[in-house]
Protein backbone atom coordinates (compact mmCIF):
# COMPACT_ATOMS: atom_id res chain seq x y z
CA MET A 1 67.38 28.34 145.33
CA MET A 2 66.71 27.34 141.59
CA GLY A 3 63.17 28.81 141.79
CA ALA A 4 64.85 32.23 142.95
CA ALA A 5 67.54 32.09 140.61
CA SER A 6 65.41 31.56 137.54
CA PRO A 7 63.47 34.78 137.58
CA ARG A 8 66.63 36.81 138.14
CA LEU A 9 68.58 35.03 135.36
CA ALA A 10 65.66 35.58 132.95
CA ARG A 11 65.41 39.52 134.27
CA THR A 12 69.17 39.40 133.11
CA SER A 13 68.83 37.92 129.97
CA LEU A 14 65.86 40.53 129.36
CA MET A 15 67.78 43.31 130.09
CA VAL A 16 70.83 42.18 128.21
CA ALA A 17 68.88 41.55 125.30
CA ILE A 18 67.51 44.79 125.61
CA ILE A 19 70.95 46.50 125.53
CA ILE A 20 71.77 44.73 122.52
CA ALA A 21 69.14 45.43 120.59
CA ALA A 22 69.32 49.20 121.57
CA GLY A 23 72.98 49.34 121.21
CA ILE A 24 73.02 47.78 117.56
CA GLY A 25 70.06 50.33 116.63
CA LEU A 26 72.16 53.19 117.98
CA TYR A 27 75.45 52.07 116.68
CA SER A 28 74.59 50.48 113.23
CA TRP A 29 72.71 53.61 111.73
CA SER A 30 74.38 54.79 108.30
CA LEU A 31 77.25 53.04 108.84
CA ASP A 32 78.30 54.01 105.40
CA ARG A 33 77.94 57.60 106.02
CA LEU A 34 81.83 58.07 106.45
CA TYR A 35 84.17 56.94 103.92
CA LEU A 36 86.37 53.92 104.82
CA VAL A 37 89.89 54.88 106.31
CA HIS A 38 92.99 52.84 104.80
CA ASP A 39 93.05 50.82 107.52
CA GLU A 40 89.85 49.53 107.28
CA VAL A 41 90.01 48.63 103.76
CA ILE A 42 93.67 46.67 104.26
CA TYR A 43 91.95 44.75 106.98
CA ALA A 44 88.59 44.03 104.84
CA LEU A 45 90.91 42.56 101.76
CA ASN A 46 92.64 40.38 104.00
CA ALA A 47 89.47 39.22 105.73
CA HIS A 48 87.82 38.99 102.17
CA ALA A 49 90.78 36.76 101.08
CA ILE A 50 90.74 34.83 104.24
CA ALA A 51 87.02 34.37 103.46
CA THR A 52 87.23 33.40 100.00
CA THR A 53 90.89 31.49 99.82
CA GLY A 54 91.84 30.86 103.65
CA ARG A 55 95.11 32.93 102.80
CA ASP A 56 95.94 36.66 103.38
CA LEU A 57 96.88 39.15 100.65
CA SER A 58 100.90 37.84 101.06
CA GLY A 59 99.70 34.11 100.50
CA GLN A 60 99.86 32.83 104.05
CA PHE A 61 97.67 30.41 105.19
CA LEU A 62 95.65 31.46 108.03
CA PRO A 63 98.38 33.40 109.70
CA ILE A 64 98.69 34.75 113.31
CA SER A 65 100.02 37.86 112.22
CA PHE A 66 99.42 39.91 108.89
CA PRO A 67 101.61 41.78 106.71
CA VAL A 68 99.82 45.23 105.84
CA VAL A 69 102.23 48.05 104.76
CA GLY A 70 105.80 48.59 105.03
CA THR A 71 106.87 47.32 108.78
CA PHE A 72 103.09 47.20 110.06
CA PHE A 73 101.49 43.70 111.20
CA ALA A 74 97.94 43.57 111.96
CA THR A 75 96.69 41.30 114.84
CA PRO A 76 94.29 38.56 113.27
CA MET A 77 91.21 38.79 115.72
CA ASN A 78 89.49 41.39 113.59
CA ILE A 79 90.21 40.24 110.29
CA TYR A 80 89.10 36.44 111.47
CA PHE A 81 86.05 37.95 112.86
CA THR A 82 85.05 40.25 109.65
CA ALA A 83 86.08 37.12 107.54
CA LEU A 84 83.12 35.25 109.53
CA PHE A 85 80.50 38.19 108.00
CA LEU A 86 82.36 37.89 104.66
CA GLN A 87 81.26 34.41 104.24
CA TRP A 88 77.88 35.82 103.79
CA ALA A 89 77.82 39.13 101.84
CA PRO A 90 80.42 40.95 99.73
CA PRO A 91 82.53 43.48 101.52
CA THR A 92 80.78 46.82 101.69
CA GLU A 93 81.42 49.72 104.25
CA VAL A 94 78.42 48.17 106.14
CA ILE A 95 79.42 44.64 106.42
CA VAL A 96 83.34 45.68 106.99
CA ARG A 97 82.11 47.72 110.01
CA LEU A 98 79.42 45.46 111.44
CA PRO A 99 81.84 43.44 113.57
CA SER A 100 83.01 46.69 115.42
CA VAL A 101 79.34 47.28 116.26
CA VAL A 102 79.03 43.63 117.78
CA VAL A 103 82.02 43.97 119.63
CA GLY A 104 80.99 47.99 120.96
CA VAL A 105 77.52 46.61 121.88
CA ALA A 106 79.10 43.53 123.63
CA CYS A 107 81.42 46.17 125.76
CA VAL A 108 78.34 47.81 126.81
CA GLY A 109 76.27 44.66 128.04
CA LEU A 110 79.71 43.43 129.89
CA VAL A 111 79.84 46.69 131.57
CA PHE A 112 75.80 45.97 132.67
CA LEU A 113 76.93 42.46 134.26
CA ILE A 114 79.99 43.96 135.85
CA GLY A 115 77.86 46.75 137.08
CA ARG A 116 75.37 44.38 138.82
CA ARG A 117 78.49 42.59 140.43
CA VAL A 118 79.85 45.89 141.80
CA PHE A 119 76.96 47.59 142.47
CA LYS A 120 74.49 45.25 143.29
CA THR A 121 71.68 46.65 141.52
CA ASP A 122 70.03 46.71 138.17
CA ALA A 123 69.40 50.51 137.95
CA LEU A 124 72.95 51.55 138.58
CA ALA A 125 74.30 48.74 136.18
CA LEU A 126 72.06 49.86 133.42
CA LEU A 127 73.52 53.68 134.22
CA ALA A 128 77.08 52.28 133.59
CA ALA A 129 76.01 51.00 130.62
CA ALA A 130 74.48 53.73 129.37
CA ILE A 131 77.39 55.95 130.33
CA LEU A 132 79.47 53.89 127.92
CA ALA A 133 76.65 53.55 125.28
CA LEU A 134 76.85 57.29 125.16
CA THR A 135 80.61 57.77 125.49
CA PRO A 136 81.51 59.70 122.26
CA ALA A 137 84.81 57.85 122.00
CA HIS A 138 83.09 54.42 122.22
CA PHE A 139 80.65 55.66 119.62
CA ILE A 140 83.18 56.58 117.08
CA HIS A 141 84.96 53.34 117.57
CA SER A 142 82.10 50.95 117.51
CA ARG A 143 81.76 52.29 114.08
CA LEU A 144 85.14 51.85 112.63
CA GLY A 145 86.39 48.40 111.29
CA THR A 146 89.64 48.35 112.99
CA ASP A 147 90.84 46.23 115.88
CA HIS A 148 91.25 48.61 118.86
CA LEU A 149 87.78 47.46 120.57
CA TYR A 150 88.99 43.68 120.75
CA THR A 151 91.03 44.30 123.76
CA VAL A 152 88.38 46.10 125.27
CA VAL A 153 85.81 43.59 125.05
CA LEU A 154 88.46 40.80 126.55
CA MET A 155 89.71 42.72 129.10
CA LEU A 156 85.85 43.46 130.48
CA ALA A 157 85.26 39.76 130.21
CA TRP A 158 88.34 39.06 132.34
CA LEU A 159 87.23 41.29 134.98
CA LEU A 160 83.81 39.74 134.99
CA CYS A 161 85.18 36.57 135.57
CA LEU A 162 87.86 37.80 138.22
CA LEU A 163 84.80 39.60 139.92
CA GLU A 164 83.27 36.08 140.37
CA VAL A 165 86.17 34.59 141.98
CA THR A 166 84.94 34.06 145.22
CA ASN A 167 86.88 30.95 146.89
CA ASP A 168 89.98 28.81 145.87
CA ARG A 169 87.84 26.24 144.97
CA GLN A 170 86.93 28.03 141.52
CA LEU A 171 90.32 27.16 139.53
CA TRP A 172 88.63 27.14 136.69
CA ARG A 173 87.26 30.78 136.88
CA ILE A 174 90.62 31.95 137.59
CA GLY A 175 92.18 30.06 134.57
CA VAL A 176 89.30 31.47 132.13
CA ALA A 177 89.83 35.11 133.36
CA SER A 178 93.82 34.57 132.62
CA ALA A 179 93.13 32.98 129.12
CA LEU A 180 90.78 35.55 128.30
CA LEU A 181 94.12 37.76 128.55
CA GLY A 182 96.19 35.33 126.76
CA LEU A 183 93.69 35.60 124.16
CA GLY A 184 94.08 39.36 123.96
CA VAL A 185 97.67 39.34 122.77
CA TYR A 186 95.54 38.39 119.20
CA SER A 187 93.36 41.18 119.26
CA TYR A 188 95.52 44.36 119.17
CA LEU A 189 99.29 45.45 119.60
CA GLY A 190 98.56 47.79 122.31
CA ALA A 191 97.28 44.55 124.17
CA LEU A 192 100.81 43.06 124.33
CA ILE A 193 101.02 45.86 127.29
CA THR A 194 97.47 45.94 128.61
CA MET A 195 97.31 41.85 128.89
CA PRO A 196 100.25 41.37 130.99
CA VAL A 197 99.89 44.19 132.91
CA CYS A 198 95.99 42.86 133.67
CA PHE A 199 97.86 39.29 134.21
CA VAL A 200 99.87 40.89 136.89
CA ILE A 201 96.82 42.86 138.39
CA THR A 202 95.38 39.29 138.40
CA LEU A 203 97.97 37.85 140.61
CA VAL A 204 97.81 40.81 142.97
CA THR A 205 94.08 40.28 143.27
CA LEU A 206 94.49 36.61 144.48
CA HIS A 207 96.81 37.42 146.79
CA ARG A 208 94.59 40.32 148.25
CA MET A 209 91.68 37.65 148.66
CA GLY A 210 93.86 35.83 150.71
CA PHE A 211 94.93 32.79 148.42
CA ARG A 212 98.31 31.41 149.49
CA SER A 213 98.26 27.70 147.98
CA ARG A 214 100.04 27.65 144.56
CA GLN A 215 96.88 26.31 142.78
CA PRO A 216 95.38 29.46 141.81
CA TYR A 217 98.29 31.04 140.86
CA LEU A 218 99.48 27.98 138.89
CA ALA A 219 95.83 28.07 137.37
CA ALA A 220 96.28 31.57 136.42
CA ALA A 221 99.58 31.19 134.99
CA LEU A 222 98.54 28.15 132.85
CA GLY A 223 95.54 29.92 131.54
CA PHE A 224 97.54 33.06 130.53
CA VAL A 225 100.76 31.09 128.93
CA LEU A 226 98.77 28.38 127.16
CA PRO A 227 96.85 30.88 124.93
CA ILE A 228 100.12 32.86 123.76
CA LEU A 229 101.98 29.80 122.91
CA PRO A 230 101.24 30.30 119.04
CA PHE A 231 101.65 33.56 119.18
CA LEU A 232 105.69 32.83 120.54
CA ALA A 233 105.93 30.15 118.01
CA TRP A 234 104.69 32.27 115.15
CA HIS A 235 107.33 35.24 116.08
CA LEU A 236 110.10 32.56 116.74
CA LEU A 237 109.20 31.14 113.05
CA HIS A 238 109.25 34.96 111.93
CA PRO A 239 112.30 36.81 113.86
CA ASP A 240 112.39 39.50 111.87
CA GLN A 241 108.50 40.72 112.53
CA TYR A 242 109.75 41.87 116.24
CA ALA A 243 112.71 44.02 114.79
CA ARG A 244 110.09 45.78 112.04
CA GLN A 245 107.25 46.26 114.65
CA ILE A 246 109.87 47.96 116.97
CA GLN A 247 110.99 49.86 113.91
CA MET A 248 107.38 50.89 113.21
CA TYR A 249 106.37 52.26 116.83
CA GLY A 250 110.22 54.01 116.97
CA LEU A 251 110.57 52.44 120.47
CA TYR A 252 114.19 52.20 119.58
CA ASP A 253 116.67 51.73 116.79
CA SER A 254 116.17 48.06 116.28
CA GLY A 255 118.77 47.75 113.39
CA ARG A 256 121.63 48.97 115.59
CA LEU A 257 120.26 47.65 119.13
CA GLY A 258 119.15 44.53 120.46
CA PRO A 259 116.41 43.89 122.56
CA ALA A 260 118.34 44.45 126.16
CA ALA A 261 119.78 47.81 124.66
CA GLY A 262 116.67 48.60 123.17
CA ALA A 263 115.24 47.92 126.93
CA LYS A 264 118.25 49.79 128.80
CA GLN A 265 117.36 53.00 126.39
CA LEU A 266 113.79 52.82 127.25
CA ALA A 267 114.44 53.03 130.74
CA SER A 268 116.81 55.93 130.28
CA TYR A 269 116.01 58.95 132.29
CA ALA A 270 115.02 61.26 129.58
CA SER A 271 112.86 58.23 128.27
CA VAL A 272 111.17 57.75 131.66
CA VAL A 273 110.52 61.68 131.97
CA ASN A 274 108.68 62.06 128.30
CA ARG A 275 106.69 58.61 128.85
CA VAL A 276 105.70 59.92 132.53
CA SER A 277 104.53 63.30 130.87
CA VAL A 278 102.58 61.23 127.85
CA TYR A 279 100.89 59.21 130.51
CA TRP A 280 99.61 62.20 132.48
CA ASP A 281 98.65 63.74 129.30
CA TYR A 282 95.83 60.89 129.15
CA PHE A 283 94.12 62.47 131.96
CA ASN A 284 94.12 65.87 130.74
CA PRO A 285 90.69 67.44 130.96
CA SER A 286 90.66 68.91 127.48
CA LEU A 287 91.21 65.52 126.19
CA LEU A 288 88.89 64.14 128.10
CA PHE A 289 85.84 66.39 128.06
CA PHE A 290 86.51 68.84 125.46
CA ALA A 291 88.74 68.43 122.58
CA GLY A 292 89.11 64.70 122.08
CA ASP A 293 91.81 63.10 120.23
CA THR A 294 93.86 64.94 118.01
CA GLY A 295 92.91 63.04 114.81
CA LEU A 296 89.44 63.75 113.15
CA ILE A 297 89.20 59.93 112.79
CA ASN A 298 89.30 59.01 116.54
CA GLY A 299 87.32 62.35 117.68
CA THR A 300 84.98 64.71 116.10
CA ARG A 301 86.11 68.05 117.87
CA TYR A 302 82.41 68.26 118.75
CA ALA A 303 83.00 66.66 122.18
CA GLY A 304 85.74 65.29 123.88
CA VAL A 305 86.59 61.57 125.05
CA PHE A 306 83.80 61.86 127.49
CA LEU A 307 80.42 63.61 127.96
CA TRP A 308 80.54 66.48 130.28
CA PRO A 309 78.94 64.89 133.40
CA LEU A 310 81.61 63.00 134.06
CA MET A 311 84.02 65.75 134.73
CA VAL A 312 81.58 65.79 137.85
CA LEU A 313 81.03 62.15 138.08
CA LEU A 314 84.53 60.55 137.68
CA PRO A 315 86.42 62.18 140.69
CA ALA A 316 83.12 61.48 142.89
CA GLY A 317 83.61 58.01 141.70
CA LEU A 318 87.33 57.85 142.47
CA TYR A 319 86.78 58.82 145.87
CA ARG A 320 83.58 56.60 146.40
CA LEU A 321 85.78 53.57 145.48
CA ALA A 322 89.04 54.65 147.00
CA VAL A 323 88.45 56.30 150.04
CA GLN A 324 84.89 55.18 151.27
CA GLN A 325 84.40 51.77 149.91
CA ARG A 326 87.97 49.90 149.55
CA SER A 327 86.16 46.78 148.46
CA ARG A 328 88.22 44.07 146.05
CA ALA A 329 85.95 45.44 143.37
CA ALA A 330 87.07 48.97 143.84
CA TRP A 331 90.51 48.67 144.19
CA LEU A 332 90.10 46.75 140.91
CA LEU A 333 88.37 49.50 139.03
CA VAL A 334 90.76 52.22 140.42
CA THR A 335 94.17 49.98 139.53
CA CYS A 336 92.81 49.07 135.87
CA MET A 337 91.89 53.05 135.19
CA ALA A 338 95.18 54.02 136.14
CA ALA A 339 96.77 51.45 134.18
CA SER A 340 94.74 51.91 131.16
CA PRO A 341 97.01 54.52 129.28
CA LEU A 342 100.14 52.42 129.91
CA ALA A 343 100.11 50.97 126.14
CA ALA A 344 99.98 54.51 124.75
CA THR A 345 102.41 55.86 127.09
CA LEU A 346 105.03 52.92 125.97
CA VAL A 347 105.18 54.34 122.47
CA ALA A 348 104.97 57.88 123.49
CA GLU A 349 101.83 58.98 121.60
CA ARG A 350 99.86 61.81 123.15
CA TYR A 351 96.14 62.25 122.82
CA ARG A 352 95.51 59.15 120.68
CA ILE A 353 92.53 57.53 122.46
CA ASN A 354 92.62 54.89 120.11
CA ARG A 355 95.57 53.54 122.15
CA ALA A 356 93.76 53.67 125.32
CA LEU A 357 90.06 52.48 124.70
CA VAL A 358 90.25 50.41 127.98
CA MET A 359 90.04 53.37 129.90
CA LEU A 360 86.26 54.07 128.54
CA PRO A 361 84.34 51.17 130.01
CA LEU A 362 86.16 51.75 133.20
CA ALA A 363 85.63 55.33 133.62
CA ALA A 364 81.78 54.51 133.00
CA LEU A 365 81.89 52.22 136.02
CA VAL A 366 83.64 54.95 137.79
CA ALA A 367 81.68 57.50 136.96
CA THR A 368 78.42 55.12 137.95
CA ALA A 369 79.94 55.08 141.44
CA GLY A 370 80.51 58.69 141.73
CA ALA A 371 76.45 58.87 140.88
CA GLU A 372 75.72 56.50 143.55
CA MET A 373 77.82 58.34 145.88
CA LEU A 374 75.74 61.34 144.98
CA PHE A 375 72.30 59.47 145.11
CA THR A 376 73.12 58.43 148.55
CA ALA A 377 74.38 61.44 150.04
CA ARG A 378 72.52 62.94 153.16
CA ARG A 379 71.70 66.37 151.69
CA PRO A 380 68.76 66.07 148.95
CA VAL A 381 70.95 68.85 146.73
CA TRP A 382 73.38 66.13 145.97
CA ARG A 383 70.73 63.92 144.41
CA ALA A 384 69.60 66.60 142.52
CA VAL A 385 72.82 67.30 141.19
CA ALA A 386 73.35 63.77 140.13
CA ILE A 387 69.96 63.74 138.31
CA ALA A 388 70.54 67.15 136.39
CA LEU A 389 74.01 65.44 135.57
CA ILE A 390 72.47 62.19 134.19
CA ALA A 391 69.66 63.75 132.56
CA LEU A 392 72.41 66.17 130.81
CA MET A 393 73.89 63.40 129.31
CA PRO A 394 71.45 61.79 126.21
CA LEU A 395 71.00 65.97 125.80
CA GLN A 396 74.80 66.37 125.03
CA PHE A 397 74.94 62.84 123.38
CA ALA A 398 72.03 63.92 121.17
CA GLY A 399 74.01 66.94 119.92
CA PHE A 400 77.01 64.91 119.53
CA TYR A 401 74.97 62.62 117.49
CA ARG A 402 73.39 65.27 115.13
CA ASP A 403 76.89 66.59 114.33
CA TYR A 404 78.25 63.28 113.78
CA PHE A 405 76.16 62.67 110.79
CA VAL A 406 75.53 66.14 109.84
CA ALA A 407 78.65 68.86 109.82
CA TYR A 408 81.53 66.09 110.57
CA PRO A 409 81.64 64.38 107.20
CA ALA A 410 82.50 67.75 105.81
CA ARG A 411 85.32 68.39 108.29
CA SER A 412 86.88 65.08 108.53
CA TYR A 413 86.56 63.68 104.54
CA SER A 414 90.52 64.28 104.30
CA TRP A 415 91.30 62.15 107.19
CA PHE A 416 89.28 59.53 105.26
CA GLU A 417 91.11 59.76 102.08
CA TYR A 418 88.65 61.95 100.60
CA ASN A 419 85.89 60.48 98.22
CA ILE A 420 87.91 57.46 96.68
CA ARG A 421 84.37 55.65 97.01
CA GLY A 422 82.72 58.13 94.70
CA GLY A 423 85.41 58.07 92.10
CA MET A 424 86.06 54.44 92.05
CA GLU A 425 82.53 53.39 91.74
CA GLU A 426 81.96 56.06 88.99
CA VAL A 427 84.50 54.41 86.73
CA ILE A 428 83.24 50.86 87.48
CA ALA A 429 79.52 52.37 86.38
CA ARG A 430 80.71 54.17 83.54
CA HIS A 431 82.93 51.28 82.59
CA GLY A 432 79.67 48.94 82.16
CA GLY A 433 80.47 46.01 79.47
CA VAL A 434 82.96 47.90 77.50
CA ALA A 435 86.29 46.25 76.87
CA SER A 436 87.86 49.77 77.28
CA PRO A 437 90.93 49.83 79.78
CA ILE A 438 90.98 51.41 82.77
CA PHE A 439 93.56 54.01 83.99
CA ILE A 440 94.09 54.86 87.81
CA ALA A 441 96.27 57.64 88.47
CA ASN A 442 99.25 56.21 91.21
CA ASN A 443 99.33 59.96 93.03
CA ILE A 444 95.88 58.58 94.66
CA GLN A 445 96.95 57.37 97.76
CA TRP A 446 96.10 53.85 98.79
CA ALA A 447 94.61 53.24 95.55
CA ASP A 448 96.00 50.27 95.02
CA TYR A 449 94.03 49.00 98.28
CA TYR A 450 90.61 50.75 97.45
CA TRP A 451 90.28 49.71 93.82
CA PRO A 452 90.51 45.95 94.38
CA PHE A 453 88.01 46.49 97.42
CA TYR A 454 85.44 47.95 94.98
CA LEU A 455 85.90 45.69 92.49
CA ALA A 456 84.92 43.26 95.12
CA LYS A 457 81.90 45.06 96.46
CA GLN A 458 80.35 45.39 92.87
CA GLY A 459 81.39 42.14 91.85
CA ARG A 460 83.89 43.35 88.89
CA GLN A 461 87.15 41.57 89.84
CA ASP A 462 87.24 41.11 86.15
CA LEU A 463 88.37 44.54 85.80
CA HIS A 464 91.52 43.87 87.36
CA ALA A 465 93.01 42.67 84.27
CA ARG A 466 92.09 45.82 82.44
CA THR A 467 93.66 48.02 84.89
CA THR A 468 96.54 50.29 84.98
CA TYR A 469 97.93 52.26 87.59
CA LEU A 470 99.54 55.44 85.83
CA ASP A 471 102.14 57.91 86.58
CA LEU A 472 101.17 61.31 85.92
CA ALA A 473 104.43 62.92 86.59
CA VAL A 474 105.99 61.08 83.77
CA PRO A 475 106.12 63.41 80.77
CA GLY A 476 103.55 61.62 78.20
CA ALA A 477 101.96 59.54 80.65
CA SER A 478 98.52 60.72 79.61
CA GLU A 479 99.49 59.45 75.88
CA SER A 480 99.20 56.06 77.33
CA VAL A 481 95.53 56.43 77.68
CA PRO A 482 93.72 55.31 74.14
CA PRO A 483 90.40 56.27 72.94
CA GLY A 484 87.85 54.83 74.99
CA GLY A 485 90.10 54.52 77.90
CA ILE A 486 88.66 55.77 81.18
CA LEU A 487 91.02 57.42 83.97
CA LEU A 488 90.55 58.49 87.35
CA CYS A 489 92.75 61.10 88.52
CA ARG A 490 93.12 64.01 91.18
CA ALA A 491 91.29 67.25 90.83
CA ALA A 492 94.72 69.04 90.90
CA ASP A 493 95.65 67.37 87.45
CA VAL A 494 92.22 67.81 85.48
CA GLU A 495 93.23 70.94 83.56
CA ALA A 496 96.68 68.79 82.38
CA MET A 497 94.72 65.88 81.35
CA LYS A 498 92.30 68.31 79.41
CA ALA A 499 95.10 69.91 77.68
CA ALA A 500 96.59 66.19 76.82
CA GLY A 501 93.09 65.63 74.91
CA LEU A 502 90.75 63.85 77.70
CA ARG A 503 87.36 65.21 78.64
CA GLU A 504 85.84 65.24 82.29
CA LEU A 505 82.77 62.88 82.61
CA ARG A 506 82.39 63.36 86.11
CA ALA A 507 83.75 65.75 89.09
CA ILE A 508 83.86 63.61 92.33
CA ILE A 509 82.68 66.00 95.05
CA GLU A 510 83.23 66.16 98.85
CA PRO A 511 80.75 66.79 101.41
CA ASP A 512 81.54 70.47 101.50
CA GLY A 513 81.13 70.65 97.87
CA SER A 514 85.15 70.57 96.92
CA GLN A 515 86.38 68.68 94.05
CA SER A 516 88.76 65.55 94.81
CA PHE A 517 89.02 63.39 91.82
CA ALA A 518 87.78 63.40 88.17
CA VAL A 519 86.65 60.59 85.84
CA MET A 520 87.95 61.43 82.56
CA ARG A 521 87.80 59.52 78.84
CA ARG A 522 89.88 59.80 75.98
């Protein structure tokens, strides 16, 4: 038995290594091509603070929840994982996005392992991994330094563990599977919906497998609850955080209603009807195959969430799993796929695929089941259709990939806060060793976060003490800039600053040739 298992394990390890190497090469190319969006900067600053001091930007020591802006609190997993990278390198666009590359590639590897368990062949498992790797939405989010993918990787690890459970003596597998769901509450706010739903699916799966004793269910419950205890304790010590997060997502008026009354409002007829509509919109073909996400951070508008061949492979796969197979694995994939938009549905946000990224690997596995059905069909024409659809995927992805690096930056830069990077790095370069003061116009949104980030990137934190955020709307504010002082302002303010006696040192240009900022000096 050991002799037979060893070559199989070696082959699996080799395939996973190839997937990881190919995925990192594909996803990490030119990570700094796009500007950092403000969420990435804020997460990176907190990660840098944790890496250097053990405290977040608000001074909390190793917090479980990070206060960010206004009523928004960030989950810790992304920040702590990024902090590991920042132990060895300064914060740069590449470094703060590299953790997401690792997580995105890990998702692809897990889909391969799940595919082997479901389809029993390496070829179909590799196809499932390739479909996810070439999925536009997965590619995009594997290159953003945000927290959305962390729920996905834990959900996939849970699914793999649950599929490996074969009898009631494997209590440790059940406990580990549920513990991964419990850890998920630290990954992304949407996981507060996704992970409990997956836990319920776990219990139903155990029942469908014929488990009737208490031990498997107790192992599942303990595995799920124990990792959540620090999370619950944190919120008991910070009771206002719940109300502030409810306020942020607009679920109900947390200042006027308590949790019970708020839940009653959410369960009202009008609320349920609206959320059912939102749920169905996440299966809208326009979102999935053509337009993609409504925001140009989460989609390019060149491609949908998925590539076109999945228009055929997904429904074929659902038929294969739900009608022809009806196995435990088939039931799990279809049920999880159906549940994937529930977190986005609760907050009633339409067409925001970053709220439903768990859909992507599930769709890759379902689509692979569709390809399997076509390959095994009696009529050769269906095998030809499968081959044509699979061949089309890399061709369409190549077009998406080219657009992502060539045209997409020019049409999306406003969504990425414009070329603040160019302006601030120009200020740092112009300053040199001169002791002159620095002024940054406070109508540059998020400047008070971007400036510390780029100072840390360039190793010039000493310039903090020389920096003033200037309100140019105040009459005579420009007179605060003394001779030799440097000012970073918006392009719209350049003429007024010239009239006030400053000269333009450098125009900060966007990919489409327009000017967004200017570096000026008196």
